[in-house]
Amino acid sequence: VNKKLAGSALLQFPDLVTKILESV
């Protein structure tokens, strides 16, 4: 999961976290 930049790997990228949460 992490090698696809999913799951807990996303915690390394707060800006991407923001985009995902806003989109959903």
mmCIF file of all heavy atoms, coordinates in Angstrom:
data_MODEL
# 
_entry.id   MODEL 
# 
loop_
_atom_site.group_PDB 
_atom_site.id 
_atom_site.type_symbol 
_atom_site.label_atom_id 
_atom_site.label_alt_id 
_atom_site.label_comp_id 
_atom_site.label_asym_id 
_atom_site.label_entity_id 
_atom_site.label_seq_id 
_atom_site.pdbx_PDB_ins_code 
_atom_site.Cartn_x 
_atom_site.Cartn_y 
_atom_site.Cartn_z 
_atom_site.occupancy 
_atom_site.B_iso_or_equiv 
_atom_site.pdbx_formal_charge 
_atom_site.auth_seq_id 
_atom_site.auth_comp_id 
_atom_site.auth_asym_id 
_atom_site.auth_atom_id 
_atom_site.pdbx_PDB_model_num 
ATOM 1   N N   . VAL A 1 1  ? 0.841   -1.201 0.000  1.00 0.00 ? 1  VAL A N   1 
ATOM 2   C CA  . VAL A 1 1  ? 0.000   0.000  0.000  1.00 0.00 ? 1  VAL A CA  1 
ATOM 3   C C   . VAL A 1 1  ? 0.877   1.251  0.000  1.00 0.00 ? 1  VAL A C   1 
ATOM 4   O O   . VAL A 1 1  ? 0.665   2.186  -0.772 1.00 0.00 ? 1  VAL A O   1 
ATOM 5   C CB  . VAL A 1 1  ? -0.948  -0.002 1.218  1.00 0.00 ? 1  VAL A CB  1 
ATOM 6   C CG1 . VAL A 1 1  ? -1.730  1.307  1.305  1.00 0.00 ? 1  VAL A CG1 1 
ATOM 7   C CG2 . VAL A 1 1  ? -1.899  -1.186 1.141  1.00 0.00 ? 1  VAL A CG2 1 
ATOM 8   N N   . ASN A 1 2  ? 1.899   1.243  0.850  1.00 0.00 ? 2  ASN A N   1 
ATOM 9   C CA  . ASN A 1 2  ? 2.768   2.421  0.984  1.00 0.00 ? 2  ASN A CA  1 
ATOM 10  C C   . ASN A 1 2  ? 3.570   2.721  -0.273 1.00 0.00 ? 2  ASN A C   1 
ATOM 11  O O   . ASN A 1 2  ? 3.856   3.877  -0.585 1.00 0.00 ? 2  ASN A O   1 
ATOM 12  C CB  . ASN A 1 2  ? 3.714   2.247  2.174  1.00 0.00 ? 2  ASN A CB  1 
ATOM 13  C CG  . ASN A 1 2  ? 3.007   2.338  3.523  1.00 0.00 ? 2  ASN A CG  1 
ATOM 14  O OD1 . ASN A 1 2  ? 3.611   2.094  4.552  1.00 0.00 ? 2  ASN A OD1 1 
ATOM 15  N ND2 . ASN A 1 2  ? 1.716   2.654  3.525  1.00 0.00 ? 2  ASN A ND2 1 
ATOM 16  N N   . LYS A 1 3  ? 3.958   1.678  -1.011 1.00 0.00 ? 3  LYS A N   1 
ATOM 17  C CA  . LYS A 1 3  ? 4.764   1.918  -2.215 1.00 0.00 ? 3  LYS A CA  1 
ATOM 18  C C   . LYS A 1 3  ? 3.953   2.628  -3.299 1.00 0.00 ? 3  LYS A C   1 
ATOM 19  O O   . LYS A 1 3  ? 4.527   3.197  -4.237 1.00 0.00 ? 3  LYS A O   1 
ATOM 20  C CB  . LYS A 1 3  ? 5.352   0.611  -2.735 1.00 0.00 ? 3  LYS A CB  1 
ATOM 21  C CG  . LYS A 1 3  ? 4.368   -0.329 -3.388 1.00 0.00 ? 3  LYS A CG  1 
ATOM 22  C CD  . LYS A 1 3  ? 5.087   -1.587 -3.880 1.00 0.00 ? 3  LYS A CD  1 
ATOM 23  C CE  . LYS A 1 3  ? 4.128   -2.542 -4.588 1.00 0.00 ? 3  LYS A CE  1 
ATOM 24  N NZ  . LYS A 1 3  ? 4.826   -3.767 -5.048 1.00 0.00 ? 3  LYS A NZ  1 
ATOM 25  N N   . LYS A 1 4  ? 2.638   2.620  -3.156 1.00 0.00 ? 4  LYS A N   1 
ATOM 26  C CA  . LYS A 1 4  ? 1.771   3.369  -4.071 1.00 0.00 ? 4  LYS A CA  1 
ATOM 27  C C   . LYS A 1 4  ? 1.434   4.740  -3.500 1.00 0.00 ? 4  LYS A C   1 
ATOM 28  O O   . LYS A 1 4  ? 0.539   5.425  -3.982 1.00 0.00 ? 4  LYS A O   1 
ATOM 29  C CB  . LYS A 1 4  ? 0.485   2.579  -4.321 1.00 0.00 ? 4  LYS A CB  1 
ATOM 30  C CG  . LYS A 1 4  ? 0.711   1.238  -4.999 1.00 0.00 ? 4  LYS A CG  1 
ATOM 31  C CD  . LYS A 1 4  ? -0.584  0.483  -5.163 1.00 0.00 ? 4  LYS A CD  1 
ATOM 32  C CE  . LYS A 1 4  ? -0.359  -0.880 -5.808 1.00 0.00 ? 4  LYS A CE  1 
ATOM 33  N NZ  . LYS A 1 4  ? -1.615  -1.664 -5.913 1.00 0.00 ? 4  LYS A NZ  1 
ATOM 34  N N   . LEU A 1 5  ? 2.164   5.127  -2.459 1.00 0.00 ? 5  LEU A N   1 
ATOM 35  C CA  . LEU A 1 5  ? 1.983   6.405  -1.769 1.00 0.00 ? 5  LEU A CA  1 
ATOM 36  C C   . LEU A 1 5  ? 0.595   6.515  -1.134 1.00 0.00 ? 5  LEU A C   1 
ATOM 37  O O   . LEU A 1 5  ? 0.007   7.580  -1.042 1.00 0.00 ? 5  LEU A O   1 
ATOM 38  C CB  . LEU A 1 5  ? 2.219   7.585  -2.707 1.00 0.00 ? 5  LEU A CB  1 
ATOM 39  C CG  . LEU A 1 5  ? 2.520   8.931  -2.032 1.00 0.00 ? 5  LEU A CG  1 
ATOM 40  C CD1 . LEU A 1 5  ? 3.803   8.840  -1.220 1.00 0.00 ? 5  LEU A CD1 1 
ATOM 41  C CD2 . LEU A 1 5  ? 2.652   10.027 -3.074 1.00 0.00 ? 5  LEU A CD2 1 
ATOM 42  N N   . ALA A 1 6  ? 0.061   5.366  -0.717 1.00 0.00 ? 6  ALA A N   1 
ATOM 43  C CA  . ALA A 1 6  ? -1.233  5.351  -0.047 1.00 0.00 ? 6  ALA A CA  1 
ATOM 44  C C   . ALA A 1 6  ? -1.028  4.936  1.406  1.00 0.00 ? 6  ALA A C   1 
ATOM 45  O O   . ALA A 1 6  ? 0.093   4.674  1.843  1.00 0.00 ? 6  ALA A O   1 
ATOM 46  C CB  . ALA A 1 6  ? -2.189  4.408  -0.758 1.00 0.00 ? 6  ALA A CB  1 
ATOM 47  N N   . GLY A 1 7  ? -2.120  4.866  2.159  1.00 0.00 ? 7  GLY A N   1 
ATOM 48  C CA  . GLY A 1 7  ? -2.027  4.486  3.559  1.00 0.00 ? 7  GLY A CA  1 
ATOM 49  C C   . GLY A 1 7  ? -1.192  5.470  4.348  1.00 0.00 ? 7  GLY A C   1 
ATOM 50  O O   . GLY A 1 7  ? -1.245  6.687  4.134  1.00 0.00 ? 7  GLY A O   1 
ATOM 51  N N   . SER A 1 8  ? -0.369  4.964  5.270  1.00 0.00 ? 8  SER A N   1 
ATOM 52  C CA  . SER A 1 8  ? 0.398   5.839  6.158  1.00 0.00 ? 8  SER A CA  1 
ATOM 53  C C   . SER A 1 8  ? 1.503   6.605  5.441  1.00 0.00 ? 8  SER A C   1 
ATOM 54  O O   . SER A 1 8  ? 2.029   7.584  5.977  1.00 0.00 ? 8  SER A O   1 
ATOM 55  C CB  . SER A 1 8  ? 0.993   5.023  7.310  1.00 0.00 ? 8  SER A CB  1 
ATOM 56  O OG  . SER A 1 8  ? 1.760   3.948  6.816  1.00 0.00 ? 8  SER A OG  1 
ATOM 57  N N   . ALA A 1 9  ? 1.858   6.199  4.218  1.00 0.00 ? 9  ALA A N   1 
ATOM 58  C CA  . ALA A 1 9  ? 2.880   6.941  3.462  1.00 0.00 ? 9  ALA A CA  1 
ATOM 59  C C   . ALA A 1 9  ? 2.457   8.382  3.218  1.00 0.00 ? 9  ALA A C   1 
ATOM 60  O O   . ALA A 1 9  ? 3.296   9.290  3.109  1.00 0.00 ? 9  ALA A O   1 
ATOM 61  C CB  . ALA A 1 9  ? 3.148   6.246  2.128  1.00 0.00 ? 9  ALA A CB  1 
ATOM 62  N N   . LEU A 1 10 ? 1.153   8.619  3.162  1.00 0.00 ? 10 LEU A N   1 
ATOM 63  C CA  . LEU A 1 10 ? 0.650   9.966  2.900  1.00 0.00 ? 10 LEU A CA  1 
ATOM 64  C C   . LEU A 1 10 ? 0.970   10.943 4.026  1.00 0.00 ? 10 LEU A C   1 
ATOM 65  O O   . LEU A 1 10 ? 1.003   12.160 3.795  1.00 0.00 ? 10 LEU A O   1 
ATOM 66  C CB  . LEU A 1 10 ? -0.864  9.919  2.674  1.00 0.00 ? 10 LEU A CB  1 
ATOM 67  C CG  . LEU A 1 10 ? -1.310  9.331  1.332  1.00 0.00 ? 10 LEU A CG  1 
ATOM 68  C CD1 . LEU A 1 10 ? -2.793  8.993  1.361  1.00 0.00 ? 10 LEU A CD1 1 
ATOM 69  C CD2 . LEU A 1 10 ? -1.003  10.302 0.206  1.00 0.00 ? 10 LEU A CD2 1 
ATOM 70  N N   . LEU A 1 11 ? 1.214   10.432 5.226  1.00 0.00 ? 11 LEU A N   1 
ATOM 71  C CA  . LEU A 1 11 ? 1.497   11.322 6.355  1.00 0.00 ? 11 LEU A CA  1 
ATOM 72  C C   . LEU A 1 11 ? 2.765   12.139 6.130  1.00 0.00 ? 11 LEU A C   1 
ATOM 73  O O   . LEU A 1 11 ? 2.969   13.158 6.800  1.00 0.00 ? 11 LEU A O   1 
ATOM 74  C CB  . LEU A 1 11 ? 1.621   10.500 7.646  1.00 0.00 ? 11 LEU A CB  1 
ATOM 75  C CG  . LEU A 1 11 ? 0.370   9.693  8.052  1.00 0.00 ? 11 LEU A CG  1 
ATOM 76  C CD1 . LEU A 1 11 ? 0.653   8.871  9.295  1.00 0.00 ? 11 LEU A CD1 1 
ATOM 77  C CD2 . LEU A 1 11 ? -0.816  10.625 8.273  1.00 0.00 ? 11 LEU A CD2 1 
ATOM 78  N N   . GLN A 1 12 ? 3.597   11.718 5.193  1.00 0.00 ? 12 GLN A N   1 
ATOM 79  C CA  . GLN A 1 12 ? 4.823   12.461 4.887  1.00 0.00 ? 12 GLN A CA  1 
ATOM 80  C C   . GLN A 1 12 ? 4.551   13.704 4.041  1.00 0.00 ? 12 GLN A C   1 
ATOM 81  O O   . GLN A 1 12 ? 5.438   14.545 3.887  1.00 0.00 ? 12 GLN A O   1 
ATOM 82  C CB  . GLN A 1 12 ? 5.792   11.556 4.107  1.00 0.00 ? 12 GLN A CB  1 
ATOM 83  C CG  . GLN A 1 12 ? 6.185   10.281 4.825  1.00 0.00 ? 12 GLN A CG  1 
ATOM 84  C CD  . GLN A 1 12 ? 6.934   9.336  3.904  1.00 0.00 ? 12 GLN A CD  1 
ATOM 85  O OE1 . GLN A 1 12 ? 8.175   9.314  3.893  1.00 0.00 ? 12 GLN A OE1 1 
ATOM 86  N NE2 . GLN A 1 12 ? 6.211   8.563  3.115  1.00 0.00 ? 12 GLN A NE2 1 
ATOM 87  N N   . PHE A 1 13 ? 3.323   13.828 3.524  1.00 0.00 ? 13 PHE A N   1 
ATOM 88  C CA  . PHE A 1 13 ? 3.020   14.902 2.579  1.00 0.00 ? 13 PHE A CA  1 
ATOM 89  C C   . PHE A 1 13 ? 1.730   15.626 2.972  1.00 0.00 ? 13 PHE A C   1 
ATOM 90  O O   . PHE A 1 13 ? 0.672   15.403 2.366  1.00 0.00 ? 13 PHE A O   1 
ATOM 91  C CB  . PHE A 1 13 ? 2.906   14.329 1.166  1.00 0.00 ? 13 PHE A CB  1 
ATOM 92  C CG  . PHE A 1 13 ? 4.097   13.495 0.759  1.00 0.00 ? 13 PHE A CG  1 
ATOM 93  C CD1 . PHE A 1 13 ? 4.036   12.104 0.809  1.00 0.00 ? 13 PHE A CD1 1 
ATOM 94  C CD2 . PHE A 1 13 ? 5.279   14.093 0.351  1.00 0.00 ? 13 PHE A CD2 1 
ATOM 95  C CE1 . PHE A 1 13 ? 5.131   11.329 0.444  1.00 0.00 ? 13 PHE A CE1 1 
ATOM 96  C CE2 . PHE A 1 13 ? 6.383   13.324 -0.007 1.00 0.00 ? 13 PHE A CE2 1 
ATOM 97  C CZ  . PHE A 1 13 ? 6.306   11.947 0.042  1.00 0.00 ? 13 PHE A CZ  1 
ATOM 98  N N   . PRO A 1 14 ? 1.810   16.522 3.961  1.00 0.00 ? 14 PRO A N   1 
ATOM 99  C CA  . PRO A 1 14 ? 0.604   17.219 4.432  1.00 0.00 ? 14 PRO A CA  1 
ATOM 100 C C   . PRO A 1 14 ? -0.155  17.969 3.339  1.00 0.00 ? 14 PRO A C   1 
ATOM 101 O O   . PRO A 1 14 ? -1.394  18.028 3.382  1.00 0.00 ? 14 PRO A O   1 
ATOM 102 C CB  . PRO A 1 14 ? 1.158   18.184 5.493  1.00 0.00 ? 14 PRO A CB  1 
ATOM 103 C CG  . PRO A 1 14 ? 2.412   17.519 5.977  1.00 0.00 ? 14 PRO A CG  1 
ATOM 104 C CD  . PRO A 1 14 ? 2.989   16.852 4.778  1.00 0.00 ? 14 PRO A CD  1 
ATOM 105 N N   . ASP A 1 15 ? 0.554   18.518 2.350  1.00 0.00 ? 15 ASP A N   1 
ATOM 106 C CA  . ASP A 1 15 ? -0.135  19.242 1.272  1.00 0.00 ? 15 ASP A CA  1 
ATOM 107 C C   . ASP A 1 15 ? -1.011  18.291 0.454  1.00 0.00 ? 15 ASP A C   1 
ATOM 108 O O   . ASP A 1 15 ? -2.131  18.643 0.071  1.00 0.00 ? 15 ASP A O   1 
ATOM 109 C CB  . ASP A 1 15 ? 0.875   19.941 0.357  1.00 0.00 ? 15 ASP A CB  1 
ATOM 110 C CG  . ASP A 1 15 ? 1.556   21.122 1.032  1.00 0.00 ? 15 ASP A CG  1 
ATOM 111 O OD1 . ASP A 1 15 ? 1.028   21.588 2.075  1.00 0.00 ? 15 ASP A OD1 1 
ATOM 112 O OD2 . ASP A 1 15 ? 2.593   21.570 0.528  1.00 0.00 ? 15 ASP A OD2 1 
ATOM 113 N N   . LEU A 1 16 ? -0.500  17.093 0.189  1.00 0.00 ? 16 LEU A N   1 
ATOM 114 C CA  . LEU A 1 16 ? -1.284  16.105 -0.545 1.00 0.00 ? 16 LEU A CA  1 
ATOM 115 C C   . LEU A 1 16 ? -2.446  15.605 0.310  1.00 0.00 ? 16 LEU A C   1 
ATOM 116 O O   . LEU A 1 16 ? -3.553  15.380 -0.204 1.00 0.00 ? 16 LEU A O   1 
ATOM 117 C CB  . LEU A 1 16 ? -0.397  14.936 -0.977 1.00 0.00 ? 16 LEU A CB  1 
ATOM 118 C CG  . LEU A 1 16 ? -1.078  13.805 -1.763 1.00 0.00 ? 16 LEU A CG  1 
ATOM 119 C CD1 . LEU A 1 16 ? -1.790  14.343 -2.998 1.00 0.00 ? 16 LEU A CD1 1 
ATOM 120 C CD2 . LEU A 1 16 ? -0.051  12.731 -2.156 1.00 0.00 ? 16 LEU A CD2 1 
ATOM 121 N N   . VAL A 1 17 ? -2.214  15.443 1.601  1.00 0.00 ? 17 VAL A N   1 
ATOM 122 C CA  . VAL A 1 17 ? -3.288  15.067 2.523  1.00 0.00 ? 17 VAL A CA  1 
ATOM 123 C C   . VAL A 1 17 ? -4.434  16.068 2.414  1.00 0.00 ? 17 VAL A C   1 
ATOM 124 O O   . VAL A 1 17 ? -5.607  15.692 2.298  1.00 0.00 ? 17 VAL A O   1 
ATOM 125 C CB  . VAL A 1 17 ? -2.769  14.998 3.977  1.00 0.00 ? 17 VAL A CB  1 
ATOM 126 C CG1 . VAL A 1 17 ? -3.943  14.897 4.956  1.00 0.00 ? 17 VAL A CG1 1 
ATOM 127 C CG2 . VAL A 1 17 ? -1.825  13.815 4.150  1.00 0.00 ? 17 VAL A CG2 1 
ATOM 128 N N   . THR A 1 18 ? -4.089  17.350 2.411  1.00 0.00 ? 18 THR A N   1 
ATOM 129 C CA  . THR A 1 18 ? -5.095  18.401 2.321  1.00 0.00 ? 18 THR A CA  1 
ATOM 130 C C   . THR A 1 18 ? -5.911  18.274 1.035  1.00 0.00 ? 18 THR A C   1 
ATOM 131 O O   . THR A 1 18 ? -7.149  18.336 1.048  1.00 0.00 ? 18 THR A O   1 
ATOM 132 C CB  . THR A 1 18 ? -4.430  19.791 2.369  1.00 0.00 ? 18 THR A CB  1 
ATOM 133 O OG1 . THR A 1 18 ? -3.687  19.914 3.587  1.00 0.00 ? 18 THR A OG1 1 
ATOM 134 C CG2 . THR A 1 18 ? -5.475  20.899 2.304  1.00 0.00 ? 18 THR A CG2 1 
ATOM 135 N N   . LYS A 1 19 ? -5.235  18.073 -0.083 1.00 0.00 ? 19 LYS A N   1 
ATOM 136 C CA  . LYS A 1 19 ? -5.924  17.961 -1.373 1.00 0.00 ? 19 LYS A CA  1 
ATOM 137 C C   . LYS A 1 19 ? -6.864  16.760 -1.411 1.00 0.00 ? 19 LYS A C   1 
ATOM 138 O O   . LYS A 1 19 ? -7.989  16.846 -1.912 1.00 0.00 ? 19 LYS A O   1 
ATOM 139 C CB  . LYS A 1 19 ? -4.899  17.860 -2.501 1.00 0.00 ? 19 LYS A CB  1 
ATOM 140 C CG  . LYS A 1 19 ? -4.108  19.141 -2.734 1.00 0.00 ? 19 LYS A CG  1 
ATOM 141 C CD  . LYS A 1 19 ? -3.047  18.943 -3.815 1.00 0.00 ? 19 LYS A CD  1 
ATOM 142 C CE  . LYS A 1 19 ? -2.214  20.204 -4.002 1.00 0.00 ? 19 LYS A CE  1 
ATOM 143 N NZ  . LYS A 1 19 ? -1.124  20.005 -5.007 1.00 0.00 ? 19 LYS A NZ  1 
ATOM 144 N N   . ILE A 1 20 ? -6.397  15.642 -0.865 1.00 0.00 ? 20 ILE A N   1 
ATOM 145 C CA  . ILE A 1 20 ? -7.233  14.431 -0.857 1.00 0.00 ? 20 ILE A CA  1 
ATOM 146 C C   . ILE A 1 20 ? -8.465  14.643 0.008  1.00 0.00 ? 20 ILE A C   1 
ATOM 147 O O   . ILE A 1 20 ? -9.599  14.341 -0.411 1.00 0.00 ? 20 ILE A O   1 
ATOM 148 C CB  . ILE A 1 20 ? -6.417  13.224 -0.357 1.00 0.00 ? 20 ILE A CB  1 
ATOM 149 C CG1 . ILE A 1 20 ? -5.367  12.826 -1.394 1.00 0.00 ? 20 ILE A CG1 1 
ATOM 150 C CG2 . ILE A 1 20 ? -7.343  12.042 -0.044 1.00 0.00 ? 20 ILE A CG2 1 
ATOM 151 C CD1 . ILE A 1 20 ? -4.389  11.774 -0.914 1.00 0.00 ? 20 ILE A CD1 1 
ATOM 152 N N   . LEU A 1 21 ? -8.262  15.157 1.207  1.00 0.00 ? 21 LEU A N   1 
ATOM 153 C CA  . LEU A 1 21 ? -9.392  15.329 2.120  1.00 0.00 ? 21 LEU A CA  1 
ATOM 154 C C   . LEU A 1 21 ? -10.410 16.313 1.559  1.00 0.00 ? 21 LEU A C   1 
ATOM 155 O O   . LEU A 1 21 ? -11.620 16.069 1.607  1.00 0.00 ? 21 LEU A O   1 
ATOM 156 C CB  . LEU A 1 21 ? -8.896  15.801 3.492  1.00 0.00 ? 21 LEU A CB  1 
ATOM 157 C CG  . LEU A 1 21 ? -7.947  14.851 4.236  1.00 0.00 ? 21 LEU A CG  1 
ATOM 158 C CD1 . LEU A 1 21 ? -7.650  15.387 5.632  1.00 0.00 ? 21 LEU A CD1 1 
ATOM 159 C CD2 . LEU A 1 21 ? -8.515  13.449 4.320  1.00 0.00 ? 21 LEU A CD2 1 
ATOM 160 N N   . GLU A 1 22 ? -9.949  17.420 1.009  1.00 0.00 ? 22 GLU A N   1 
ATOM 161 C CA  . GLU A 1 22 ? -10.859 18.402 0.422  1.00 0.00 ? 22 GLU A CA  1 
ATOM 162 C C   . GLU A 1 22 ? -11.634 17.796 -0.743 1.00 0.00 ? 22 GLU A C   1 
ATOM 163 O O   . GLU A 1 22 ? -12.855 18.012 -0.875 1.00 0.00 ? 22 GLU A O   1 
ATOM 164 C CB  . GLU A 1 22 ? -10.082 19.626 -0.047 1.00 0.00 ? 22 GLU A CB  1 
ATOM 165 C CG  . GLU A 1 22 ? -9.567  20.502 1.075  1.00 0.00 ? 22 GLU A CG  1 
ATOM 166 C CD  . GLU A 1 22 ? -8.740  21.691 0.584  1.00 0.00 ? 22 GLU A CD  1 
ATOM 167 O OE1 . GLU A 1 22 ? -8.298  21.667 -0.595 1.00 0.00 ? 22 GLU A OE1 1 
ATOM 168 O OE2 . GLU A 1 22 ? -8.538  22.640 1.372  1.00 0.00 ? 22 GLU A OE2 1 
ATOM 169 N N   . SER A 1 23 ? -10.951 17.029 -1.590 1.00 0.00 ? 23 SER A N   1 
ATOM 170 C CA  . SER A 1 23 ? -11.594 16.435 -2.760 1.00 0.00 ? 23 SER A CA  1 
ATOM 171 C C   . SER A 1 23 ? -12.699 15.472 -2.365 1.00 0.00 ? 23 SER A C   1 
ATOM 172 O O   . SER A 1 23 ? -13.799 15.492 -2.926 1.00 0.00 ? 23 SER A O   1 
ATOM 173 C CB  . SER A 1 23 ? -10.556 15.715 -3.636 1.00 0.00 ? 23 SER A CB  1 
ATOM 174 O OG  . SER A 1 23 ? -9.636  16.628 -4.185 1.00 0.00 ? 23 SER A OG  1 
ATOM 175 N N   . VAL A 1 24 ? -12.401 14.612 -1.394 1.00 0.00 ? 24 VAL A N   1 
ATOM 176 C CA  . VAL A 1 24 ? -13.383 13.613 -0.986 1.00 0.00 ? 24 VAL A CA  1 
ATOM 177 C C   . VAL A 1 24 ? -14.558 14.262 -0.257 1.00 0.00 ? 24 VAL A C   1 
ATOM 178 O O   . VAL A 1 24 ? -15.724 13.953 -0.542 1.00 0.00 ? 24 VAL A O   1 
ATOM 179 C CB  . VAL A 1 24 ? -12.730 12.529 -0.108 1.00 0.00 ? 24 VAL A CB  1 
ATOM 180 C CG1 . VAL A 1 24 ? -13.784 11.549 0.406  1.00 0.00 ? 24 VAL A CG1 1 
ATOM 181 C CG2 . VAL A 1 24 ? -11.662 11.776 -0.895 1.00 0.00 ? 24 VAL A CG2 1 
# 
